[in-house]
Amino acid sequence: MLGFGPQSLLGSRRARVVAQHLERGTWMRHGLARACSALWAATANPVRAVDLPRTARVIGIGGATLGGAGKTVVVFELARALAAAGESVAVVASAYPARDRTPRPVRRGDSVESVGDEALWLCRALDRDGVPVFLGTPRSAALGLAARAAPLVIVDGLLQSRPRRLAWSLLALDAAAPWGAARCPPAGDLRARRDRLIDACDAVLLATDAALPRPATSVQFGGKTTISWSSELNGAWTPEGRFVPTAELRRLRLGLLLAIARPERVAAALAARGIALCATELHLDHAVPTAWPNPAVEAWLTTAKCATKVRQKAGAPPVWTLDHRARLPPEFVEHAARFARG
């Protein structure tokens, strides 16, 4: 449950410790964890029962792990690129951890508690591009609303559907750790067995870091086409709208304030660009963190998703939003556009 008090923040930090055990697979050596993990793997099915709309084509982007694969960033960049190319597109965001799960459009003025951080960020980031964002359960109802708005719908967090399959299913993987801890919870953070995830998708989206060596684009996962995209971090934005380039960030005393899965990815991306950190505050994915006073820090860095929910404490350093973008291959965007054109 989302909250703002010291007790909720303490709970968020403790929950983050649990999430780290899942992400690192440190409980694999425990027999009970392995047994529960085997049960999860035997029953988890990435193919969801969803009634797809007849009036729109649906592209689903799902992750292999419990967060941290960059799928929401791809949803944003793909929708933005399609809109820029003149295509009519809508987005269905994840309803977790929204309190209001009534199927409806997301609005800029919605609170993060009511619609969740991912949906609110997507709505605000895509508003200037004219791309509507919807959420709600059941997912079929949210899809129906989105299909009335556009002939092409991108769904965040849906890998595959039944009885009708998606027009295009994409499995998002992090090149540095494609399968996370390689076990299902509680021994790891893998959503389902690898073979089931691969069978469910049409292609693999492999996230790479522009500051690190890229893997070969010919890499295959179970014979599925692999599309590599580059994760870029170019600087940060102040609350006043000033852009702070990477070169300037290197000269400052900065802290990292995050409430996402696998926050080590962000820290590694900053380190690869020569940006040192004086302090780190990590919380559970989707939690509501607070920027606390810290004399060693000139500014707190956070992600665009976290920026929708960070609370600024009096006397605390300002919170700057990292400029994180996904550079998608043009052929990937064109392939998606062909679905829109029917």
C-alpha atoms as a PDB file:
ATOM      1  CA  MET A   1       0.000   0.000   0.000  1.00  0.00           C
ATOM      2  CA  LEU A   2       1.254   3.449  -0.898  1.00  0.00           C
ATOM      3  CA  GLY A   3       1.968   5.882   1.921  1.00  0.00           C
ATOM      4  CA  PHE A   4       3.962   8.929   2.864  1.00  0.00           C
ATOM      5  CA  GLY A   5       4.849   8.568   6.561  1.00  0.00           C
ATOM      6  CA  PRO A   6       8.118   7.382   8.114  1.00  0.00           C
ATOM      7  CA  GLN A   7       6.636   3.949   8.877  1.00  0.00           C
ATOM      8  CA  SER A   8       5.654   3.392   5.242  1.00  0.00           C
ATOM      9  CA  LEU A   9       9.144   4.458   4.105  1.00  0.00           C
ATOM     10  CA  LEU A  10      10.724   2.035   6.559  1.00  0.00           C
ATOM     11  CA  GLY A  11       8.447  -0.695   5.232  1.00  0.00           C
ATOM     12  CA  SER A  12       9.418   0.268   1.689  1.00  0.00           C
ATOM     13  CA  ARG A  13      13.119  -0.111   2.491  1.00  0.00           C
ATOM     14  CA  ARG A  14      12.545  -3.485   4.145  1.00  0.00           C
ATOM     15  CA  ALA A  15      10.497  -4.642   1.172  1.00  0.00           C
ATOM     16  CA  ARG A  16      13.331  -3.478  -1.089  1.00  0.00           C
ATOM     17  CA  VAL A  17      15.647  -5.867   0.783  1.00  0.00           C
ATOM     18  CA  VAL A  18      13.230  -8.713  -0.010  1.00  0.00           C
ATOM     19  CA  ALA A  19      13.167  -7.640  -3.665  1.00  0.00           C
ATOM     20  CA  GLN A  20      16.973  -7.715  -3.740  1.00  0.00           C
ATOM     21  CA  HIS A  21      16.936 -11.317  -2.560  1.00  0.00           C
ATOM     22  CA  LEU A  22      14.603 -12.171  -5.441  1.00  0.00           C
ATOM     23  CA  GLU A  23      16.632 -10.246  -8.020  1.00  0.00           C
ATOM     24  CA  ARG A  24      19.916 -11.801  -6.890  1.00  0.00           C
ATOM     25  CA  GLY A  25      18.545 -15.288  -6.260  1.00  0.00           C
ATOM     26  CA  THR A  26      20.098 -15.470  -2.796  1.00  0.00           C
ATOM     27  CA  TRP A  27      17.326 -17.766  -1.503  1.00  0.00           C
ATOM     28  CA  MET A  28      18.058 -20.515  -4.046  1.00  0.00           C
ATOM     29  CA  ARG A  29      20.037 -22.449  -1.468  1.00  0.00           C
ATOM     30  CA  HIS A  30      16.975 -22.840   0.774  1.00  0.00           C
ATOM     31  CA  GLY A  31      14.980 -26.002   0.147  1.00  0.00           C
ATOM     32  CA  LEU A  32      11.584 -24.429   0.861  1.00  0.00           C
ATOM     33  CA  ALA A  33      12.305 -21.555  -1.536  1.00  0.00           C
ATOM     34  CA  ARG A  34      13.319 -24.005  -4.278  1.00  0.00           C
ATOM     35  CA  ALA A  35      10.161 -26.058  -3.733  1.00  0.00           C
ATOM     36  CA  CYS A  36       7.913 -22.982  -3.910  1.00  0.00           C
ATOM     37  CA  SER A  37       9.853 -21.789  -6.953  1.00  0.00           C
ATOM     38  CA  ALA A  38       9.266 -25.115  -8.695  1.00  0.00           C
ATOM     39  CA  LEU A  39       5.532 -24.847  -7.976  1.00  0.00           C
ATOM     40  CA  TRP A  40       5.470 -21.301  -9.384  1.00  0.00           C
ATOM     41  CA  ALA A  41       7.335 -22.446 -12.513  1.00  0.00           C
ATOM     42  CA  ALA A  42       4.940 -25.367 -13.012  1.00  0.00           C
ATOM     43  CA  THR A  43       1.821 -23.208 -12.867  1.00  0.00           C
ATOM     44  CA  ALA A  44       2.845 -19.762 -14.192  1.00  0.00           C
ATOM     45  CA  ASN A  45       1.469 -19.079 -17.660  1.00  0.00           C
ATOM     46  CA  PRO A  46       2.464 -15.890 -19.532  1.00  0.00           C
ATOM     47  CA  VAL A  47      -0.527 -16.345 -21.869  1.00  0.00           C
ATOM     48  CA  ARG A  48      -3.460 -14.452 -20.339  1.00  0.00           C
ATOM     49  CA  ALA A  49      -7.168 -14.883 -20.954  1.00  0.00           C
ATOM     50  CA  VAL A  50      -8.057 -11.550 -22.576  1.00  0.00           C
ATOM     51  CA  ASP A  51     -10.827 -10.654 -25.029  1.00  0.00           C
ATOM     52  CA  LEU A  52      -9.110  -8.619 -27.731  1.00  0.00           C
ATOM     53  CA  PRO A  53     -11.095  -5.908 -29.536  1.00  0.00           C
ATOM     54  CA  ARG A  54     -12.100  -6.644 -33.123  1.00  0.00           C
ATOM     55  CA  THR A  55     -11.635  -3.038 -34.223  1.00  0.00           C
ATOM     56  CA  ALA A  56      -7.929  -2.643 -33.443  1.00  0.00           C
ATOM     57  CA  ARG A  57      -4.648  -4.456 -33.679  1.00  0.00           C
ATOM     58  CA  VAL A  58      -2.917  -5.014 -30.383  1.00  0.00           C
ATOM     59  CA  ILE A  59       0.837  -5.108 -29.710  1.00  0.00           C
ATOM     60  CA  GLY A  60       1.837  -6.514 -26.336  1.00  0.00           C
ATOM     61  CA  ILE A  61       5.143  -5.850 -24.575  1.00  0.00           C
ATOM     62  CA  GLY A  62       5.859  -8.072 -21.581  1.00  0.00           C
ATOM     63  CA  GLY A  63       8.896  -8.597 -19.379  1.00  0.00           C
ATOM     64  CA  ALA A  64      10.627 -11.805 -18.353  1.00  0.00           C
ATOM     65  CA  THR A  65      11.363 -10.600 -14.818  1.00  0.00           C
ATOM     66  CA  LEU A  66       9.453  -8.817 -12.075  1.00  0.00           C
ATOM     67  CA  GLY A  67      10.413  -5.396 -13.417  1.00  0.00           C
ATOM     68  CA  GLY A  68      13.701  -4.005 -14.646  1.00  0.00           C
ATOM     69  CA  ALA A  69      13.591  -4.958 -18.346  1.00  0.00           C
ATOM     70  CA  GLY A  70      12.760  -1.478 -19.675  1.00  0.00           C
ATOM     71  CA  LYS A  71       9.454  -2.447 -21.286  1.00  0.00           C
ATOM     72  CA  THR A  72       7.596   0.715 -20.208  1.00  0.00           C
ATOM     73  CA  VAL A  73      10.299   2.916 -21.742  1.00  0.00           C
ATOM     74  CA  VAL A  74       9.893   0.987 -25.009  1.00  0.00           C
ATOM     75  CA  VAL A  75       6.106   1.411 -24.852  1.00  0.00           C
ATOM     76  CA  PHE A  76       6.610   5.168 -24.523  1.00  0.00           C
ATOM     77  CA  GLU A  77       9.198   5.499 -27.292  1.00  0.00           C
ATOM     78  CA  LEU A  78       7.308   3.227 -29.708  1.00  0.00           C
ATOM     79  CA  ALA A  79       4.011   5.069 -29.195  1.00  0.00           C
ATOM     80  CA  ARG A  80       5.791   8.395 -29.586  1.00  0.00           C
ATOM     81  CA  ALA A  81       7.573   7.317 -32.772  1.00  0.00           C
ATOM     82  CA  LEU A  82       4.370   5.970 -34.324  1.00  0.00           C
ATOM     83  CA  ALA A  83       2.496   9.168 -33.496  1.00  0.00           C
ATOM     84  CA  ALA A  84       5.307  11.227 -35.049  1.00  0.00           C
ATOM     85  CA  ALA A  85       4.957   9.114 -38.202  1.00  0.00           C
ATOM     86  CA  GLY A  86       1.284  10.020 -38.410  1.00  0.00           C
ATOM     87  CA  GLU A  87      -0.153   6.798 -37.016  1.00  0.00           C
ATOM     88  CA  SER A  88      -3.099   6.766 -34.642  1.00  0.00           C
ATOM     89  CA  VAL A  89      -2.103   4.808 -31.547  1.00  0.00           C
ATOM     90  CA  ALA A  90      -3.318   4.346 -27.976  1.00  0.00           C
ATOM     91  CA  VAL A  91      -1.641   2.803 -24.930  1.00  0.00           C
ATOM     92  CA  VAL A  92      -3.012   0.546 -22.195  1.00  0.00           C
ATOM     93  CA  ALA A  93      -0.867   0.909 -19.079  1.00  0.00           C
ATOM     94  CA  SER A  94      -0.458  -1.456 -16.187  1.00  0.00           C
ATOM     95  CA  ALA A  95      -3.077  -0.927 -13.470  1.00  0.00           C
ATOM     96  CA  TYR A  96      -0.654  -1.906 -10.721  1.00  0.00           C
ATOM     97  CA  PRO A  97      -0.606  -0.401  -8.083  1.00  0.00           C
ATOM     98  CA  ALA A  98      -3.555   1.883  -8.902  1.00  0.00           C
ATOM     99  CA  ARG A  99      -6.263   2.235  -6.287  1.00  0.00           C
ATOM    100  CA  ASP A 100      -8.861   3.148  -8.905  1.00  0.00           C
ATOM    101  CA  ARG A 101      -8.939   0.260 -11.373  1.00  0.00           C
ATOM    102  CA  THR A 102     -12.113   1.286 -13.127  1.00  0.00           C
ATOM    103  CA  PRO A 103     -11.418   1.036 -16.886  1.00  0.00           C
ATOM    104  CA  ARG A 104     -10.952   4.633 -18.019  1.00  0.00           C
ATOM    105  CA  PRO A 105      -8.557   7.083 -19.666  1.00  0.00           C
ATOM    106  CA  VAL A 106      -5.687   8.411 -17.564  1.00  0.00           C
ATOM    107  CA  ARG A 107      -5.585  12.194 -17.129  1.00  0.00           C
ATOM    108  CA  ARG A 108      -2.657  14.512 -16.419  1.00  0.00           C
ATOM    109  CA  GLY A 109      -4.246  15.709 -13.201  1.00  0.00           C
ATOM    110  CA  ASP A 110      -4.792  12.227 -11.759  1.00  0.00           C
ATOM    111  CA  SER A 111      -2.990  11.427  -8.537  1.00  0.00           C
ATOM    112  CA  VAL A 112      -0.283   8.797  -8.503  1.00  0.00           C
ATOM    113  CA  GLU A 113      -2.217   6.946  -5.798  1.00  0.00           C
ATOM    114  CA  SER A 114      -5.293   6.598  -8.005  1.00  0.00           C
ATOM    115  CA  VAL A 115      -3.682   5.488 -11.287  1.00  0.00           C
ATOM    116  CA  GLY A 116      -0.157   4.339 -10.366  1.00  0.00           C
ATOM    117  CA  ASP A 117       3.241   5.729 -11.321  1.00  0.00           C
ATOM    118  CA  GLU A 118       3.690   4.025 -14.711  1.00  0.00           C
ATOM    119  CA  ALA A 119       0.264   5.019 -16.052  1.00  0.00           C
ATOM    120  CA  LEU A 120       0.633   8.611 -14.851  1.00  0.00           C
ATOM    121  CA  TRP A 121       4.122   8.974 -16.325  1.00  0.00           C
ATOM    122  CA  LEU A 122       2.996   7.542 -19.698  1.00  0.00           C
ATOM    123  CA  CYS A 123      -0.018   9.857 -19.752  1.00  0.00           C
ATOM    124  CA  ARG A 124       2.018  12.991 -19.051  1.00  0.00           C
ATOM    125  CA  ALA A 125       4.903  12.021 -21.336  1.00  0.00           C
ATOM    126  CA  LEU A 126       2.644  11.131 -24.294  1.00  0.00           C
ATOM    127  CA  ASP A 127       0.162  13.970 -23.879  1.00  0.00           C
ATOM    128  CA  ARG A 128       2.072  16.313 -26.199  1.00  0.00           C
ATOM    129  CA  ASP A 129       2.089  13.586 -28.865  1.00  0.00           C
ATOM    130  CA  GLY A 130      -1.676  13.144 -28.717  1.00  0.00           C
ATOM    131  CA  VAL A 131      -1.455   9.520 -27.570  1.00  0.00           C
ATOM    132  CA  PRO A 132      -4.219   8.591 -25.082  1.00  0.00           C
ATOM    133  CA  VAL A 133      -3.430   6.246 -22.203  1.00  0.00           C
ATOM    134  CA  PHE A 134      -5.949   3.912 -20.591  1.00  0.00           C
ATOM    135  CA  LEU A 135      -5.911   1.585 -17.607  1.00  0.00           C
ATOM    136  CA  GLY A 136      -8.220  -0.632 -15.605  1.00  0.00           C
ATOM    137  CA  THR A 137      -9.367  -4.136 -14.890  1.00  0.00           C
ATOM    138  CA  PRO A 138     -10.478  -6.298 -16.469  1.00  0.00           C
ATOM    139  CA  ARG A 139      -7.832  -5.653 -19.091  1.00  0.00           C
ATOM    140  CA  SER A 140     -10.347  -6.485 -21.831  1.00  0.00           C
ATOM    141  CA  ALA A 141     -12.441  -3.450 -20.870  1.00  0.00           C
ATOM    142  CA  ALA A 142      -9.427  -1.117 -20.963  1.00  0.00           C
ATOM    143  CA  LEU A 143      -8.497  -2.537 -24.371  1.00  0.00           C
ATOM    144  CA  GLY A 144     -12.012  -1.889 -25.614  1.00  0.00           C
ATOM    145  CA  LEU A 145     -11.781   1.775 -24.625  1.00  0.00           C
ATOM    146  CA  ALA A 146      -8.364   2.127 -26.262  1.00  0.00           C
ATOM    147  CA  ALA A 147      -9.619   0.474 -29.465  1.00  0.00           C
ATOM    148  CA  ARG A 148     -12.300   3.157 -29.769  1.00  0.00           C
ATOM    149  CA  ALA A 149      -9.569   5.801 -29.664  1.00  0.00           C
ATOM    150  CA  ALA A 150      -7.098   4.271 -32.141  1.00  0.00           C
ATOM    151  CA  PRO A 151      -6.756   1.335 -34.579  1.00  0.00           C
ATOM    152  CA  LEU A 152      -3.423   0.318 -33.010  1.00  0.00           C
ATOM    153  CA  VAL A 153      -3.107  -0.347 -29.281  1.00  0.00           C
ATOM    154  CA  ILE A 154       0.133  -0.985 -27.367  1.00  0.00           C
ATOM    155  CA  VAL A 155      -0.276  -2.824 -24.065  1.00  0.00           C
ATOM    156  CA  ASP A 156       2.315  -2.535 -21.315  1.00  0.00           C
ATOM    157  CA  GLY A 157       2.723  -5.795 -19.398  1.00  0.00           C
ATOM    158  CA  LEU A 158       0.798  -8.217 -21.628  1.00  0.00           C
ATOM    159  CA  LEU A 159       2.993 -10.775 -23.365  1.00  0.00           C
ATOM    160  CA  GLN A 160       0.354 -12.974 -24.979  1.00  0.00           C
ATOM    161  CA  SER A 161      -3.411 -13.515 -24.948  1.00  0.00           C
ATOM    162  CA  ARG A 162      -5.924 -16.281 -25.513  1.00  0.00           C
ATOM    163  CA  PRO A 163      -8.108 -17.394 -27.204  1.00  0.00           C
ATOM    164  CA  ARG A 164      -6.968 -14.901 -29.866  1.00  0.00           C
ATOM    165  CA  ARG A 165      -3.276 -14.108 -30.059  1.00  0.00           C
ATOM    166  CA  LEU A 166      -1.899 -10.583 -30.136  1.00  0.00           C
ATOM    167  CA  ALA A 167      -1.029  -9.065 -33.488  1.00  0.00           C
ATOM    168  CA  TRP A 168       2.576  -8.840 -32.269  1.00  0.00           C
ATOM    169  CA  SER A 169       4.054 -10.050 -28.992  1.00  0.00           C
ATOM    170  CA  LEU A 170       7.390  -8.703 -27.726  1.00  0.00           C
ATOM    171  CA  LEU A 171       9.395 -10.073 -24.807  1.00  0.00           C
ATOM    172  CA  ALA A 172      11.554  -7.410 -23.127  1.00  0.00           C
ATOM    173  CA  LEU A 173      14.917  -8.626 -21.794  1.00  0.00           C
ATOM    174  CA  ASP A 174      17.884  -6.862 -20.235  1.00  0.00           C
ATOM    175  CA  ALA A 175      21.039  -7.865 -22.131  1.00  0.00           C
ATOM    176  CA  ALA A 176      23.104  -7.812 -18.920  1.00  0.00           C
ATOM    177  CA  ALA A 177      20.777 -10.290 -17.163  1.00  0.00           C
ATOM    178  CA  PRO A 178      18.111 -11.558 -19.601  1.00  0.00           C
ATOM    179  CA  TRP A 179      16.548 -14.010 -17.162  1.00  0.00           C
ATOM    180  CA  GLY A 180      17.257 -12.184 -13.927  1.00  0.00           C
ATOM    181  CA  ALA A 181      18.093 -14.692 -11.211  1.00  0.00           C
ATOM    182  CA  ALA A 182      16.985 -17.525 -13.564  1.00  0.00           C
ATOM    183  CA  ARG A 183      14.458 -18.907 -11.052  1.00  0.00           C
ATOM    184  CA  CYS A 184      10.834 -18.141 -10.324  1.00  0.00           C
ATOM    185  CA  PRO A 185       9.893 -16.599  -6.943  1.00  0.00           C
ATOM    186  CA  PRO A 186      10.778 -16.944  -4.160  1.00  0.00           C
ATOM    187  CA  ALA A 187      14.132 -18.289  -5.405  1.00  0.00           C
ATOM    188  CA  GLY A 188      14.388 -15.631  -8.093  1.00  0.00           C
ATOM    189  CA  ASP A 189      12.499 -12.983 -10.056  1.00  0.00           C
ATOM    190  CA  LEU A 190      11.611 -14.845 -13.275  1.00  0.00           C
ATOM    191  CA  ARG A 191       7.915 -14.503 -14.141  1.00  0.00           C
ATOM    192  CA  ALA A 192       7.600 -17.930 -15.755  1.00  0.00           C
ATOM    193  CA  ARG A 193       9.725 -20.684 -17.239  1.00  0.00           C
ATOM    194  CA  ARG A 194      12.027 -19.469 -19.986  1.00  0.00           C
ATOM    195  CA  ASP A 195      10.632 -21.842 -22.605  1.00  0.00           C
ATOM    196  CA  ARG A 196       7.082 -20.641 -21.922  1.00  0.00           C
ATOM    197  CA  LEU A 197       8.111 -16.990 -22.194  1.00  0.00           C
ATOM    198  CA  ILE A 198       9.894 -17.632 -25.497  1.00  0.00           C
ATOM    199  CA  ASP A 199       7.017 -19.696 -26.901  1.00  0.00           C
ATOM    200  CA  ALA A 200       4.547 -16.938 -26.043  1.00  0.00           C
ATOM    201  CA  CYS A 201       6.351 -14.131 -27.876  1.00  0.00           C
ATOM    202  CA  ASP A 202       6.919 -13.339 -31.556  1.00  0.00           C
ATOM    203  CA  ALA A 203      10.193 -11.473 -31.040  1.00  0.00           C
ATOM    204  CA  VAL A 204      12.647 -10.511 -28.295  1.00  0.00           C
ATOM    205  CA  LEU A 205      13.451  -6.911 -27.327  1.00  0.00           C
ATOM    206  CA  LEU A 206      16.999  -6.837 -25.957  1.00  0.00           C
ATOM    207  CA  ALA A 207      17.957  -3.753 -23.946  1.00  0.00           C
ATOM    208  CA  THR A 208      21.573  -2.626 -24.203  1.00  0.00           C
ATOM    209  CA  ASP A 209      23.400   0.360 -22.699  1.00  0.00           C
ATOM    210  CA  ALA A 210      24.893   2.918 -25.074  1.00  0.00           C
ATOM    211  CA  ALA A 211      27.849   3.391 -22.685  1.00  0.00           C
ATOM    212  CA  LEU A 212      28.686  -0.335 -22.637  1.00  0.00           C
ATOM    213  CA  PRO A 213      29.655  -2.809 -25.389  1.00  0.00           C
ATOM    214  CA  ARG A 214      26.611  -3.928 -27.369  1.00  0.00           C
ATOM    215  CA  PRO A 215      25.876  -7.626 -27.915  1.00  0.00           C
ATOM    216  CA  ALA A 216      25.675  -8.880 -31.475  1.00  0.00           C
ATOM    217  CA  THR A 217      22.262  -8.214 -33.018  1.00  0.00           C
ATOM    218  CA  SER A 218      22.262 -11.740 -34.474  1.00  0.00           C
ATOM    219  CA  VAL A 219      21.816 -13.278 -31.016  1.00  0.00           C
ATOM    220  CA  GLN A 220      18.796 -15.591 -31.015  1.00  0.00           C
ATOM    221  CA  PHE A 221      16.539 -16.730 -28.193  1.00  0.00           C
ATOM    222  CA  GLY A 222      14.837 -19.982 -29.059  1.00  0.00           C
ATOM    223  CA  GLY A 223      14.945 -19.106 -32.742  1.00  0.00           C
ATOM    224  CA  LYS A 224      12.952 -15.897 -32.221  1.00  0.00           C
ATOM    225  CA  THR A 225      14.046 -12.686 -33.928  1.00  0.00           C
ATOM    226  CA  THR A 226      16.036 -10.462 -31.572  1.00  0.00           C
ATOM    227  CA  ILE A 227      15.672  -6.691 -31.769  1.00  0.00           C
ATOM    228  CA  SER A 228      18.358  -4.772 -29.873  1.00  0.00           C
ATOM    229  CA  TRP A 229      17.605  -1.280 -28.646  1.00  0.00           C
ATOM    230  CA  SER A 230      19.929   1.167 -26.953  1.00  0.00           C
ATOM    231  CA  SER A 231      19.272   2.644 -23.524  1.00  0.00           C
ATOM    232  CA  GLU A 232      20.637   6.198 -23.408  1.00  0.00           C
ATOM    233  CA  LEU A 233      21.176   8.483 -20.429  1.00  0.00           C
ATOM    234  CA  ASN A 234      22.065  11.997 -21.546  1.00  0.00           C
ATOM    235  CA  GLY A 235      21.723  14.140 -18.425  1.00  0.00           C
ATOM    236  CA  ALA A 236      18.950  15.333 -16.102  1.00  0.00           C
ATOM    237  CA  TRP A 237      16.184  17.927 -15.888  1.00  0.00           C
ATOM    238  CA  THR A 238      15.694  20.300 -12.968  1.00  0.00           C
ATOM    239  CA  PRO A 239      12.186  21.130 -11.647  1.00  0.00           C
ATOM    240  CA  GLU A 240      12.551  24.516 -13.378  1.00  0.00           C
ATOM    241  CA  GLY A 241      13.045  22.847 -16.752  1.00  0.00           C
ATOM    242  CA  ARG A 242      16.801  23.388 -17.083  1.00  0.00           C
ATOM    243  CA  PHE A 243      18.703  20.563 -18.746  1.00  0.00           C
ATOM    244  CA  VAL A 244      21.887  19.475 -16.943  1.00  0.00           C
ATOM    245  CA  PRO A 245      24.214  17.576 -19.334  1.00  0.00           C
ATOM    246  CA  THR A 246      26.284  14.593 -18.282  1.00  0.00           C
ATOM    247  CA  ALA A 247      29.504  16.652 -18.214  1.00  0.00           C
ATOM    248  CA  GLU A 248      28.012  18.953 -15.575  1.00  0.00           C
ATOM    249  CA  LEU A 249      26.626  16.047 -13.540  1.00  0.00           C
ATOM    250  CA  ARG A 250      30.148  14.648 -13.224  1.00  0.00           C
ATOM    251  CA  ARG A 251      31.223  17.768 -11.303  1.00  0.00           C
ATOM    252  CA  LEU A 252      28.394  17.683  -8.731  1.00  0.00           C
ATOM    253  CA  ARG A 253      27.739  15.850  -5.479  1.00  0.00           C
ATOM    254  CA  LEU A 254      24.693  13.758  -6.322  1.00  0.00           C
ATOM    255  CA  GLY A 255      22.443  11.253  -4.601  1.00  0.00           C
ATOM    256  CA  LEU A 256      20.280   8.551  -6.178  1.00  0.00           C
ATOM    257  CA  LEU A 257      16.645   8.246  -5.063  1.00  0.00           C
ATOM    258  CA  LEU A 258      14.757   5.343  -6.643  1.00  0.00           C
ATOM    259  CA  ALA A 259      11.662   3.193  -6.176  1.00  0.00           C
ATOM    260  CA  ILE A 260      12.035   0.775  -9.095  1.00  0.00           C
ATOM    261  CA  ALA A 261      12.996  -2.837  -9.724  1.00  0.00           C
ATOM    262  CA  ARG A 262      16.699  -3.559 -10.257  1.00  0.00           C
ATOM    263  CA  PRO A 263      17.909  -0.044  -9.335  1.00  0.00           C
ATOM    264  CA  GLU A 264      21.492  -1.257  -9.749  1.00  0.00           C
ATOM    265  CA  ARG A 265      21.000  -0.818 -13.509  1.00  0.00           C
ATOM    266  CA  VAL A 266      20.609   2.939 -13.075  1.00  0.00           C
ATOM    267  CA  ALA A 267      23.602   3.159 -10.741  1.00  0.00           C
ATOM    268  CA  ALA A 268      25.702   1.183 -13.245  1.00  0.00           C
ATOM    269  CA  ALA A 269      24.582   3.456 -16.112  1.00  0.00           C
ATOM    270  CA  LEU A 270      25.623   6.529 -14.128  1.00  0.00           C
ATOM    271  CA  ALA A 271      28.980   4.974 -13.194  1.00  0.00           C
ATOM    272  CA  ALA A 272      29.639   4.060 -16.838  1.00  0.00           C
ATOM    273  CA  ARG A 273      29.285   7.755 -17.680  1.00  0.00           C
ATOM    274  CA  GLY A 274      31.618   8.873 -14.911  1.00  0.00           C
ATOM    275  CA  ILE A 275      28.894  10.152 -12.567  1.00  0.00           C
ATOM    276  CA  ALA A 276      29.715   9.404  -8.930  1.00  0.00           C
ATOM    277  CA  LEU A 277      27.120   9.150  -6.159  1.00  0.00           C
ATOM    278  CA  CYS A 278      27.451  10.473  -2.620  1.00  0.00           C
ATOM    279  CA  ALA A 279      24.287   8.814  -1.298  1.00  0.00           C
ATOM    280  CA  THR A 280      21.742   6.193  -2.369  1.00  0.00           C
ATOM    281  CA  GLU A 281      18.145   5.819  -1.198  1.00  0.00           C
ATOM    282  CA  LEU A 282      16.414   2.719  -2.594  1.00  0.00           C
ATOM    283  CA  HIS A 283      12.797   1.693  -2.060  1.00  0.00           C
ATOM    284  CA  LEU A 284      10.444  -0.993  -3.292  1.00  0.00           C
ATOM    285  CA  ASP A 285       9.187  -0.734  -6.870  1.00  0.00           C
ATOM    286  CA  HIS A 286       6.110   1.572  -7.022  1.00  0.00           C
ATOM    287  CA  ALA A 287       6.658   2.849  -3.456  1.00  0.00           C
ATOM    288  CA  VAL A 288       6.474   6.586  -2.687  1.00  0.00           C
ATOM    289  CA  PRO A 289       9.925   7.828  -1.575  1.00  0.00           C
ATOM    290  CA  THR A 290      10.764  11.126   0.111  1.00  0.00           C
ATOM    291  CA  ALA A 291      13.703  13.380  -0.711  1.00  0.00           C
ATOM    292  CA  TRP A 292      15.309  13.961   2.695  1.00  0.00           C
ATOM    293  CA  PRO A 293      17.873  16.628   3.631  1.00  0.00           C
ATOM    294  CA  ASN A 294      21.447  15.470   3.094  1.00  0.00           C
ATOM    295  CA  PRO A 295      24.358  17.920   3.437  1.00  0.00           C
ATOM    296  CA  ALA A 296      26.575  15.748   1.226  1.00  0.00           C
ATOM    297  CA  VAL A 297      24.161  15.959  -1.729  1.00  0.00           C
ATOM    298  CA  GLU A 298      23.567  18.920  -4.059  1.00  0.00           C
ATOM    299  CA  ALA A 299      20.700  17.194  -5.883  1.00  0.00           C
ATOM    300  CA  TRP A 300      18.860  13.881  -5.871  1.00  0.00           C
ATOM    301  CA  LEU A 301      18.650  12.010  -9.199  1.00  0.00           C
ATOM    302  CA  THR A 302      15.591   9.917  -9.991  1.00  0.00           C
ATOM    303  CA  THR A 303      13.772   8.388 -12.966  1.00  0.00           C
ATOM    304  CA  ALA A 304      10.808   9.890 -14.789  1.00  0.00           C
ATOM    305  CA  LYS A 305       8.533   7.247 -13.302  1.00  0.00           C
ATOM    306  CA  CYS A 306       9.738   7.976  -9.761  1.00  0.00           C
ATOM    307  CA  ALA A 307       9.430  11.718 -10.362  1.00  0.00           C
ATOM    308  CA  THR A 308       5.626  11.361 -10.487  1.00  0.00           C
ATOM    309  CA  LYS A 309       5.545  10.340  -6.817  1.00  0.00           C
ATOM    310  CA  VAL A 310       8.634  11.685  -4.982  1.00  0.00           C
ATOM    311  CA  ARG A 311       7.774  13.850  -1.985  1.00  0.00           C
ATOM    312  CA  GLN A 312      10.068  16.827  -1.387  1.00  0.00           C
ATOM    313  CA  LYS A 313      10.978  17.323   2.283  1.00  0.00           C
ATOM    314  CA  ALA A 314      11.608  20.902   3.490  1.00  0.00           C
ATOM    315  CA  GLY A 315      15.309  21.721   3.286  1.00  0.00           C
ATOM    316  CA  ALA A 316      16.100  18.718   1.083  1.00  0.00           C
ATOM    317  CA  PRO A 317      18.207  19.032  -2.093  1.00  0.00           C
ATOM    318  CA  PRO A 318      16.178  19.385  -5.307  1.00  0.00           C
ATOM    319  CA  VAL A 319      15.114  16.284  -7.219  1.00  0.00           C
ATOM    320  CA  TRP A 320      16.330  16.095 -10.812  1.00  0.00           C
ATOM    321  CA  THR A 321      14.793  13.743 -13.375  1.00  0.00           C
ATOM    322  CA  LEU A 322      17.188  11.652 -15.430  1.00  0.00           C
ATOM    323  CA  ASP A 323      16.862  12.039 -19.195  1.00  0.00           C
ATOM    324  CA  HIS A 324      16.579   8.350 -20.062  1.00  0.00           C
ATOM    325  CA  ARG A 325      15.628   7.460 -23.631  1.00  0.00           C
ATOM    326  CA  ALA A 326      15.327   4.317 -25.694  1.00  0.00           C
ATOM    327  CA  ARG A 327      16.819   4.489 -29.174  1.00  0.00           C
ATOM    328  CA  LEU A 328      14.663   2.096 -31.182  1.00  0.00           C
ATOM    329  CA  PRO A 329      15.839   0.715 -34.551  1.00  0.00           C
ATOM    330  CA  PRO A 330      13.941   2.405 -37.423  1.00  0.00           C
ATOM    331  CA  GLU A 331      13.048  -0.967 -38.922  1.00  0.00           C
ATOM    332  CA  PHE A 332      11.387  -1.928 -35.633  1.00  0.00           C
ATOM    333  CA  VAL A 333       9.205   1.184 -35.676  1.00  0.00           C
ATOM    334  CA  GLU A 334       8.352   0.632 -39.352  1.00  0.00           C
ATOM    335  CA  HIS A 335       7.371  -2.973 -38.632  1.00  0.00           C
ATOM    336  CA  ALA A 336       5.000  -1.775 -35.913  1.00  0.00           C
ATOM    337  CA  ALA A 337       3.597   0.894 -38.254  1.00  0.00           C
ATOM    338  CA  ARG A 338       2.678  -1.801 -40.762  1.00  0.00           C
ATOM    339  CA  PHE A 339       0.351  -3.316 -38.163  1.00  0.00           C
ATOM    340  CA  ALA A 340      -1.375   0.064 -37.808  1.00  0.00           C
ATOM    341  CA  ARG A 341      -1.877   0.301 -41.564  1.00  0.00           C
ATOM    342  CA  GLY A 342      -3.449  -3.152 -41.617  1.00  0.00           C
END
